[in-house]
Amino acid sequence: MGISYLKVGLGAVVIIAAAGYGIIRSGYVAQYVDQSQNHVVEHASYPISADAQALHDKLRIADLHNDVLLWGRNISQESSIGHSDLPRFKKGNVGVQIFTSVTKSPRGQNYKKNSAEAFDNITLLGWLQSWPSSALNKLSERALLQAQRLYDLEQKHPDEITVVHNREQLEAVLTARAQGSKIIAGVLGTEGGHALDGDIKNVDRLYEGGLRLMGLQHFFDNKLGGSLHGQSKAGLTDFGKDVVRLMEKKEMIVDVAHSSPAVVEDVLAMATRPIVVSHTGVRGICDTPRNLTDDQVRKISAKGGLIGIGFWDAAACDISPKGVAASIDYAVSIAGIDHVVLGSDFDGSVTTAFDTSEYAVLTQELLKKGFTEKQIAAVMGENIIRFLLENLPQGQSEEETLASSN
């Protein structure tokens, strides 16, 4: 998630509140916040060559990070708001998408230093969306509430999206797509281990709710350790180490996208499975506090991990399709072609130059940079698909996943 969401501030909500409590809780303000935070730069349609389009249509597109479940938007219908919905996924040929929940976001959010005690903007957004009191009071409930939105979408549109929890379910979706289906595989995750509410038992609870990926930190330090944007810059705590061990035992994917350098080092030192950085950039081409150093990229990729390249300014600096392709190219030069993937951060309070319906323009820019078709396929989806097939749990019965049975 980017930082623009915090620029709305409480003042705007207080002003709108003068219009009356009922209007606020009716969803208009929540929609306004969504629309004001998730932008696509206005542009003419990107001209796509016949060769680029033909290649793109053959690809299996996969993205490692999308926050659309936070906003409560009806994503079954195409919208002019934000970056993502089912129709736009289809237009972009997206086959696999990791959907993450966002459970806490400090007021005044920035990339350098945030307090865990700052006012939480997600509480306010939840109030505007009329979340139940359980979700307003517990971060774990917020993660499950956002996960349930994907299950609800699956129930209403079973031919268009399915939530996958294991390798066999993912293989089934991939087989269906190979036979002509446009169904999308959705994998659930959450952004920050504070969603555990400080209780390791909630690892099991989130797993049973369908989550298969968890970021250890977000924009502030938590009980697991220091954030890249927190105050302490500390490494993993004993609790954090216990959580990582349990996640590995359950074959959950560990994401260090917002973790401090010390946490990243600690995780790499103890991990027995590859990790991911779901949405980031690389400082060698975009020198911002948000991004990884070349050395971090090398260490993560050397252990089989994935580097998800983001599409917003702090990740790519140049957010044009050409600029994002340049970031991907640079990351590949450091990590190798098998370890660089898409990490869009679509609908994560960011501004981008294209949305999910326009992925073909990125395929075209990679072609222009001299990537082979095999290399483009790897970055645009095959690396994520391979990683999930190797690292998701083995099959289990649907009934074992609580959220899917609700």
Protein backbone atom coordinates (compact mmCIF):
# COMPACT_ATOMS: atom_id res chain seq x y z
CA MET A 1 0.00 0.00 0.00
CA GLY A 2 1.22 3.48 -0.85
CA ILE A 3 1.08 6.61 1.26
CA SER A 4 -1.50 8.85 -0.43
CA TYR A 5 -4.39 7.47 1.61
CA LEU A 6 -3.18 9.34 4.66
CA LYS A 7 -3.27 12.65 2.84
CA VAL A 8 -7.07 12.65 3.01
CA GLY A 9 -6.90 13.26 6.74
CA LEU A 10 -9.62 13.55 9.30
CA GLY A 11 -10.36 17.14 8.40
CA ALA A 12 -12.07 16.21 5.16
CA VAL A 13 -14.21 13.65 6.94
CA VAL A 14 -15.17 16.12 9.64
CA ILE A 15 -16.27 18.62 6.98
CA ILE A 16 -18.32 15.98 5.20
CA ALA A 17 -19.78 14.93 8.55
CA ALA A 18 -21.63 18.22 8.64
CA ALA A 19 -23.86 16.79 5.92
CA GLY A 20 -25.15 14.25 8.37
CA TYR A 21 -24.37 10.88 9.92
CA GLY A 22 -26.65 8.98 7.53
CA ILE A 23 -24.87 10.22 4.41
CA ILE A 24 -21.50 9.25 5.83
CA ARG A 25 -22.57 5.74 6.72
CA SER A 26 -24.43 5.26 3.42
CA GLY A 27 -21.17 4.57 1.61
CA TYR A 28 -20.76 7.79 -0.37
CA VAL A 29 -17.82 8.95 1.69
CA ALA A 30 -16.14 5.54 1.57
CA GLN A 31 -16.47 5.61 -2.21
CA TYR A 32 -15.04 9.13 -2.29
CA VAL A 33 -12.01 8.00 -0.29
CA ASP A 34 -11.51 5.05 -2.64
CA GLN A 35 -11.79 7.25 -5.72
CA SER A 36 -9.45 9.88 -4.31
CA GLN A 37 -6.69 7.40 -3.44
CA ASN A 38 -6.54 4.92 -6.32
CA HIS A 39 -5.69 6.77 -9.52
CA VAL A 40 -4.76 5.95 -13.07
CA VAL A 41 -3.03 8.83 -14.83
CA GLU A 42 -5.28 10.07 -17.61
CA HIS A 43 -3.93 8.91 -20.94
CA ALA A 44 -4.92 8.04 -24.48
CA SER A 45 -5.30 4.36 -25.24
CA TYR A 46 -1.92 2.70 -25.55
CA PRO A 47 -1.34 1.47 -29.11
CA ILE A 48 -0.42 -2.22 -28.93
CA SER A 49 1.25 -3.90 -31.88
CA ALA A 50 -0.27 -7.06 -33.30
CA ASP A 51 2.80 -9.06 -32.27
CA ALA A 52 2.72 -7.78 -28.69
CA GLN A 53 -1.01 -8.46 -28.36
CA ALA A 54 -0.68 -11.93 -29.81
CA LEU A 55 2.08 -12.73 -27.32
CA HIS A 56 0.18 -11.22 -24.42
CA ASP A 57 -2.90 -13.28 -25.23
CA LYS A 58 -0.81 -16.44 -24.85
CA LEU A 59 0.64 -15.49 -21.47
CA ARG A 60 -0.51 -16.53 -18.01
CA ILE A 61 -0.50 -13.18 -16.18
CA ALA A 62 0.00 -13.25 -12.41
CA ASP A 63 0.44 -10.43 -9.88
CA LEU A 64 1.77 -10.72 -6.35
CA HIS A 65 -0.03 -7.83 -4.63
CA ASN A 66 -3.44 -6.16 -4.93
CA ASP A 67 -5.41 -4.33 -2.20
CA VAL A 68 -8.81 -4.04 -3.89
CA LEU A 69 -10.60 -6.01 -1.14
CA LEU A 70 -10.07 -3.13 1.30
CA TRP A 71 -12.39 -0.69 -0.39
CA GLY A 72 -15.71 -2.50 -0.43
CA ARG A 73 -16.14 -1.73 -4.12
CA ASN A 74 -18.34 -4.00 -6.24
CA ILE A 75 -15.56 -5.60 -8.25
CA SER A 76 -17.90 -7.82 -10.25
CA GLN A 77 -18.66 -4.79 -12.41
CA GLU A 78 -16.27 -2.62 -14.37
CA SER A 79 -15.64 0.69 -12.65
CA SER A 80 -13.95 3.96 -13.44
CA ILE A 81 -12.60 3.92 -9.87
CA GLY A 82 -9.24 2.42 -9.04
CA HIS A 83 -7.29 -0.21 -10.91
CA SER A 84 -9.05 -3.56 -10.59
CA ASP A 85 -12.28 -5.49 -11.03
CA LEU A 86 -13.29 -8.74 -12.71
CA PRO A 87 -13.92 -7.20 -16.16
CA ARG A 88 -10.57 -5.42 -16.11
CA PHE A 89 -8.76 -8.55 -14.92
CA LYS A 90 -10.22 -10.37 -17.92
CA LYS A 91 -9.22 -7.64 -20.36
CA GLY A 92 -5.67 -7.79 -19.03
CA ASN A 93 -5.61 -11.62 -19.27
CA VAL A 94 -4.92 -11.99 -15.53
CA GLY A 95 -5.03 -15.62 -14.45
CA VAL A 96 -3.59 -15.55 -10.93
CA GLN A 97 -3.92 -12.72 -8.41
CA ILE A 98 -2.78 -12.47 -4.79
CA PHE A 99 -5.34 -10.38 -2.89
CA THR A 100 -4.12 -8.87 0.39
CA SER A 101 -6.07 -7.42 3.27
CA VAL A 102 -5.00 -4.17 4.94
CA THR A 103 -5.79 -3.99 8.64
CA LYS A 104 -4.03 -0.92 10.04
CA SER A 105 -2.55 2.27 8.61
CA PRO A 106 -1.11 5.07 10.78
CA ARG A 107 -2.15 8.68 10.32
CA GLY A 108 0.67 10.71 8.82
CA GLN A 109 1.97 7.59 7.07
CA ASN A 110 5.34 8.04 5.38
CA TYR A 111 8.23 5.92 4.17
CA LYS A 112 10.70 6.97 6.89
CA LYS A 113 9.27 6.80 10.41
CA ASN A 114 5.80 5.96 11.76
CA SER A 115 4.48 5.29 15.23
CA ALA A 116 2.42 2.20 15.97
CA GLU A 117 0.43 4.39 18.36
CA ALA A 118 -0.69 6.89 15.70
CA PHE A 119 -4.39 7.16 14.88
CA ASP A 120 -5.42 4.25 12.67
CA ASN A 121 -7.04 5.28 9.42
CA ILE A 122 -8.37 1.81 8.63
CA THR A 123 -10.60 2.06 11.69
CA LEU A 124 -12.10 5.19 10.19
CA LEU A 125 -12.51 3.58 6.79
CA GLY A 126 -14.17 0.57 8.43
CA TRP A 127 -16.58 2.85 10.24
CA LEU A 128 -17.42 4.56 6.95
CA GLN A 129 -18.05 1.13 5.40
CA SER A 130 -20.23 0.07 8.37
CA TRP A 131 -17.98 -2.81 9.42
CA PRO A 132 -19.27 -4.88 12.36
CA SER A 133 -17.89 -4.00 15.78
CA SER A 134 -15.76 -7.16 15.78
CA ALA A 135 -13.82 -5.87 12.76
CA LEU A 136 -13.58 -2.36 14.16
CA ASN A 137 -12.02 -3.74 17.34
CA LYS A 138 -9.82 -6.64 16.16
CA LEU A 139 -7.30 -6.61 13.33
CA SER A 140 -7.65 -10.35 12.74
CA GLU A 141 -11.36 -9.82 12.10
CA ARG A 142 -10.52 -7.15 9.53
CA ALA A 143 -8.32 -9.60 7.64
CA LEU A 144 -11.08 -12.20 7.65
CA LEU A 145 -13.73 -9.65 6.65
CA GLN A 146 -11.74 -8.65 3.58
CA ALA A 147 -11.07 -12.30 2.76
CA GLN A 148 -14.78 -12.99 2.97
CA ARG A 149 -15.36 -10.40 0.25
CA LEU A 150 -13.44 -12.62 -2.16
CA TYR A 151 -15.41 -15.69 -1.07
CA ASP A 152 -18.63 -13.74 -1.61
CA LEU A 153 -17.43 -12.80 -5.10
CA GLU A 154 -16.60 -16.45 -5.79
CA GLN A 155 -20.08 -17.56 -4.68
CA LYS A 156 -21.76 -15.07 -7.00
CA HIS A 157 -19.41 -15.59 -9.95
CA PRO A 158 -18.03 -19.16 -9.68
CA ASP A 159 -17.17 -19.27 -13.38
CA GLU A 160 -15.08 -16.12 -13.14
CA ILE A 161 -13.01 -16.48 -9.96
CA THR A 162 -12.11 -19.16 -7.47
CA VAL A 163 -10.21 -18.84 -4.20
CA VAL A 164 -7.36 -21.34 -4.13
CA HIS A 165 -5.79 -22.67 -0.96
CA ASN A 166 -3.49 -25.38 -2.27
CA ARG A 167 -1.51 -26.60 -5.24
CA GLU A 168 -4.20 -28.90 -6.55
CA GLN A 169 -6.79 -26.14 -6.65
CA LEU A 170 -4.38 -23.87 -8.51
CA GLU A 171 -3.60 -26.62 -11.00
CA ALA A 172 -7.34 -27.06 -11.61
CA VAL A 173 -7.74 -23.37 -12.46
CA LEU A 174 -4.72 -23.44 -14.74
CA THR A 175 -6.12 -26.49 -16.53
CA ALA A 176 -9.47 -24.77 -16.99
CA ARG A 177 -7.77 -21.70 -18.45
CA ALA A 178 -5.74 -23.88 -20.82
CA GLN A 179 -9.07 -25.23 -22.07
CA GLY A 180 -10.41 -21.75 -22.78
CA SER A 181 -11.88 -20.61 -19.47
CA LYS A 182 -11.16 -17.06 -18.26
CA ILE A 183 -11.51 -18.00 -14.59
CA ILE A 184 -9.08 -16.30 -12.20
CA ALA A 185 -7.28 -17.98 -9.30
CA GLY A 186 -7.32 -15.77 -6.22
CA VAL A 187 -4.86 -16.32 -3.37
CA LEU A 188 -5.49 -14.57 -0.06
CA GLY A 189 -2.92 -12.81 2.09
CA THR A 190 -2.63 -9.97 4.58
CA GLU A 191 -0.31 -6.99 4.85
CA GLY A 192 1.35 -7.04 8.26
CA GLY A 193 1.56 -9.52 11.13
CA HIS A 194 -0.30 -7.14 13.41
CA ALA A 195 -3.34 -8.92 11.93
CA LEU A 196 -2.53 -11.61 14.49
CA ASP A 197 -3.55 -9.26 17.32
CA GLY A 198 -0.42 -10.40 19.14
CA ASP A 199 -1.70 -13.97 19.48
CA ILE A 200 0.13 -16.76 17.66
CA LYS A 201 -3.07 -18.83 17.69
CA ASN A 202 -4.39 -16.41 15.08
CA VAL A 203 -1.91 -17.83 12.57
CA ASP A 204 -4.09 -20.93 12.59
CA ARG A 205 -7.23 -18.82 12.48
CA LEU A 206 -6.12 -16.82 9.45
CA TYR A 207 -4.95 -20.00 7.75
CA GLU A 208 -8.33 -21.61 8.37
CA GLY A 209 -9.88 -18.44 6.94
CA GLY A 210 -8.05 -19.14 3.69
CA LEU A 211 -4.98 -16.89 3.96
CA ARG A 212 -1.82 -18.39 2.50
CA LEU A 213 0.54 -15.38 2.58
CA MET A 214 1.34 -12.88 5.31
CA GLY A 215 3.53 -9.82 5.30
CA LEU A 216 5.38 -9.55 8.59
CA GLN A 217 5.17 -5.76 8.88
CA HIS A 218 3.45 -2.81 7.27
CA PHE A 219 4.16 0.87 7.97
CA PHE A 220 4.95 0.56 11.69
CA ASP A 221 6.74 -1.72 14.13
CA ASN A 222 4.68 -4.56 15.55
CA LYS A 223 5.05 -7.47 17.95
CA LEU A 224 6.91 -9.47 15.28
CA GLY A 225 9.66 -6.90 14.74
CA GLY A 226 10.68 -3.67 13.08
CA SER A 227 9.15 -2.09 9.99
CA LEU A 228 11.15 -0.51 7.18
CA HIS A 229 9.11 2.59 8.00
CA GLY A 230 8.94 2.18 11.79
CA GLN A 231 10.77 3.75 14.71
CA SER A 232 13.01 0.93 15.96
CA LYS A 233 14.37 -0.60 12.71
CA ALA A 234 14.76 -3.71 14.89
CA GLY A 235 14.98 -7.31 13.77
CA LEU A 236 12.63 -10.19 14.48
CA THR A 237 11.45 -10.58 18.04
CA ASP A 238 11.16 -14.01 19.65
CA PHE A 239 7.45 -13.83 18.88
CA GLY A 240 8.23 -12.97 15.27
CA LYS A 241 10.55 -15.96 14.99
CA ASP A 242 7.85 -18.23 16.42
CA VAL A 243 5.38 -16.87 13.86
CA VAL A 244 7.79 -17.47 10.96
CA ARG A 245 8.39 -21.05 12.15
CA LEU A 246 4.66 -21.71 12.38
CA MET A 247 4.01 -20.15 8.99
CA GLU A 248 6.65 -22.40 7.45
CA LYS A 249 5.18 -25.45 9.18
CA LYS A 250 1.80 -24.59 7.67
CA GLU A 251 3.39 -23.83 4.28
CA MET A 252 2.30 -20.21 4.38
CA ILE A 253 4.32 -17.74 2.32
CA VAL A 254 6.37 -15.15 4.24
CA ASP A 255 6.37 -11.64 2.73
CA VAL A 256 8.93 -9.04 3.85
CA ALA A 257 7.75 -6.18 1.63
CA HIS A 258 7.60 -3.65 4.48
CA SER A 259 10.08 -5.25 6.87
CA SER A 260 13.17 -3.55 8.25
CA PRO A 261 16.54 -4.61 6.82
CA ALA A 262 17.23 -6.34 10.14
CA VAL A 263 14.01 -8.36 9.89
CA VAL A 264 14.85 -9.33 6.31
CA GLU A 265 18.29 -10.56 7.45
CA ASP A 266 16.80 -12.47 10.38
CA VAL A 267 14.18 -14.14 8.19
CA LEU A 268 16.75 -15.14 5.59
CA ALA A 269 18.95 -16.59 8.32
CA MET A 270 16.22 -18.84 9.72
CA ALA A 271 13.95 -19.55 6.76
CA THR A 272 13.83 -23.05 5.33
CA ARG A 273 11.55 -21.97 2.48
CA PRO A 274 11.88 -19.14 -0.06
CA ILE A 275 10.31 -15.79 0.82
CA VAL A 276 8.80 -13.00 -1.25
CA VAL A 277 8.88 -9.23 -1.41
CA SER A 278 5.42 -8.82 -2.83
CA HIS A 279 5.64 -5.18 -3.95
CA THR A 280 8.78 -3.09 -4.06
CA GLY A 281 11.37 -1.46 -6.28
CA VAL A 282 15.16 -1.57 -6.44
CA ARG A 283 17.31 1.35 -5.31
CA GLY A 284 19.83 0.80 -8.07
CA ILE A 285 17.34 2.27 -10.52
CA CYS A 286 14.91 4.07 -8.19
CA ASP A 287 16.66 5.33 -5.07
CA THR A 288 13.85 5.80 -2.55
CA PRO A 289 13.50 4.66 1.08
CA ARG A 290 10.77 2.25 0.01
CA ASN A 291 13.01 0.05 -2.13
CA LEU A 292 15.43 -2.83 -1.75
CA THR A 293 19.18 -2.56 -2.13
CA ASP A 294 20.91 -4.64 -4.78
CA ASP A 295 22.43 -6.73 -1.99
CA GLN A 296 19.01 -7.53 -0.53
CA VAL A 297 17.73 -8.51 -3.97
CA ARG A 298 20.69 -10.88 -4.43
CA LYS A 299 20.25 -12.51 -1.02
CA ILE A 300 16.49 -13.04 -1.41
CA SER A 301 16.78 -14.42 -4.93
CA ALA A 302 19.72 -16.65 -3.97
CA LYS A 303 17.35 -18.46 -1.59
CA GLY A 304 14.71 -18.91 -4.27
CA GLY A 305 12.62 -15.87 -3.39
CA LEU A 306 10.59 -13.52 -5.56
CA ILE A 307 10.94 -9.77 -6.06
CA GLY A 308 7.61 -8.14 -7.00
CA ILE A 309 8.20 -4.92 -8.93
CA GLY A 310 5.66 -2.21 -8.16
CA PHE A 311 4.07 0.25 -10.57
CA TRP A 312 3.85 3.40 -8.44
CA ASP A 313 6.26 6.31 -8.03
CA ALA A 314 8.17 5.28 -4.91
CA ALA A 315 8.81 1.83 -6.40
CA ALA A 316 9.53 2.66 -10.05
CA CYS A 317 10.22 6.44 -10.00
CA ASP A 318 9.09 6.56 -13.64
CA ILE A 319 5.58 5.07 -13.56
CA SER A 320 5.12 4.97 -17.33
CA PRO A 321 4.95 1.48 -18.88
CA LYS A 322 8.45 2.11 -20.22
CA GLY A 323 9.65 3.08 -16.74
CA VAL A 324 8.12 0.00 -15.08
CA ALA A 325 9.74 -2.18 -17.76
CA ALA A 326 13.07 -0.51 -16.98
CA SER A 327 12.66 -1.37 -13.29
CA ILE A 328 11.89 -4.97 -14.20
CA ASP A 329 14.92 -5.08 -16.49
CA TYR A 330 17.20 -3.76 -13.76
CA ALA A 331 15.84 -6.21 -11.18
CA VAL A 332 16.39 -9.09 -13.61
CA SER A 333 20.01 -7.99 -14.05
CA ILE A 334 20.52 -8.40 -10.29
CA ALA A 335 18.19 -11.26 -9.32
CA GLY A 336 18.05 -13.31 -12.51
CA ILE A 337 15.05 -13.90 -14.75
CA ASP A 338 13.51 -16.58 -12.50
CA HIS A 339 13.04 -14.31 -9.50
CA VAL A 340 11.41 -11.10 -10.77
CA VAL A 341 7.62 -10.81 -10.94
CA LEU A 342 4.80 -8.31 -11.05
CA GLY A 343 4.00 -6.67 -7.70
CA SER A 344 1.65 -3.95 -8.87
CA ASP A 345 0.16 -2.70 -5.58
CA PHE A 346 -2.95 -1.92 -7.61
CA ASP A 347 -5.67 -0.35 -5.46
CA GLY A 348 -3.13 0.20 -2.70
CA SER A 349 -3.59 3.97 -2.47
CA VAL A 350 -1.25 4.54 -5.41
CA THR A 351 -1.22 6.34 -8.73
CA THR A 352 -0.24 4.29 -11.76
CA ALA A 353 -0.03 4.89 -15.51
CA PHE A 354 -2.10 1.83 -16.44
CA ASP A 355 -4.58 -0.52 -14.77
CA THR A 356 -5.18 -4.27 -14.84
CA SER A 357 -6.94 -4.08 -18.20
CA GLU A 358 -3.82 -2.63 -19.83
CA TYR A 359 -1.16 -5.21 -18.97
CA ALA A 360 -0.48 -5.75 -22.68
CA VAL A 361 1.38 -2.44 -22.78
CA LEU A 362 3.90 -3.85 -20.29
CA THR A 363 4.36 -6.94 -22.45
CA GLN A 364 5.03 -4.61 -25.36
CA GLU A 365 7.59 -2.55 -23.45
CA LEU A 366 9.46 -5.69 -22.40
CA LEU A 367 9.56 -6.77 -26.03
CA LYS A 368 11.02 -3.38 -26.92
CA LYS A 369 13.73 -3.88 -24.29
CA GLY A 370 14.80 -7.09 -26.00
CA PHE A 371 13.27 -9.64 -23.64
CA THR A 372 12.60 -12.99 -25.29
CA GLU A 373 9.08 -14.44 -25.25
CA LYS A 374 10.19 -16.98 -22.63
CA GLN A 375 11.64 -14.23 -20.44
CA ILE A 376 8.48 -12.13 -20.75
CA ALA A 377 6.35 -15.13 -19.84
CA ALA A 378 8.49 -15.70 -16.74
CA VAL A 379 8.19 -12.14 -15.43
CA MET A 380 4.55 -11.65 -16.40
CA GLY A 381 3.32 -14.75 -14.60
CA GLU A 382 5.19 -18.02 -14.88
CA ASN A 383 7.56 -17.25 -12.00
CA ILE A 384 4.66 -16.65 -9.61
CA ILE A 385 2.80 -19.71 -10.85
CA ARG A 386 5.87 -21.92 -10.40
CA PHE A 387 6.47 -20.47 -6.94
CA LEU A 388 2.88 -21.10 -5.82
CA LEU A 389 2.86 -24.64 -7.19
CA GLU A 390 6.04 -25.31 -5.22
CA ASN A 391 5.10 -23.50 -2.01
CA LEU A 392 1.35 -23.63 -1.46
CA PRO A 393 0.18 -26.46 0.78
CA GLN A 394 -0.76 -29.82 -0.65
CA GLY A 395 -4.48 -30.42 -1.21
CA GLN A 396 -7.00 -30.46 1.60
CA SER A 397 -10.76 -30.58 1.76
CA GLU A 398 -12.72 -27.39 1.16
CA GLU A 399 -14.49 -27.84 4.50
CA GLU A 400 -11.23 -27.21 6.33
CA THR A 401 -11.29 -23.62 5.18
CA LEU A 402 -13.70 -21.75 7.43
CA ALA A 403 -14.35 -18.70 5.33
CA SER A 404 -15.26 -20.69 2.24
CA SER A 405 -18.00 -22.51 4.14
CA ASN A 406 -19.65 -19.36 5.48
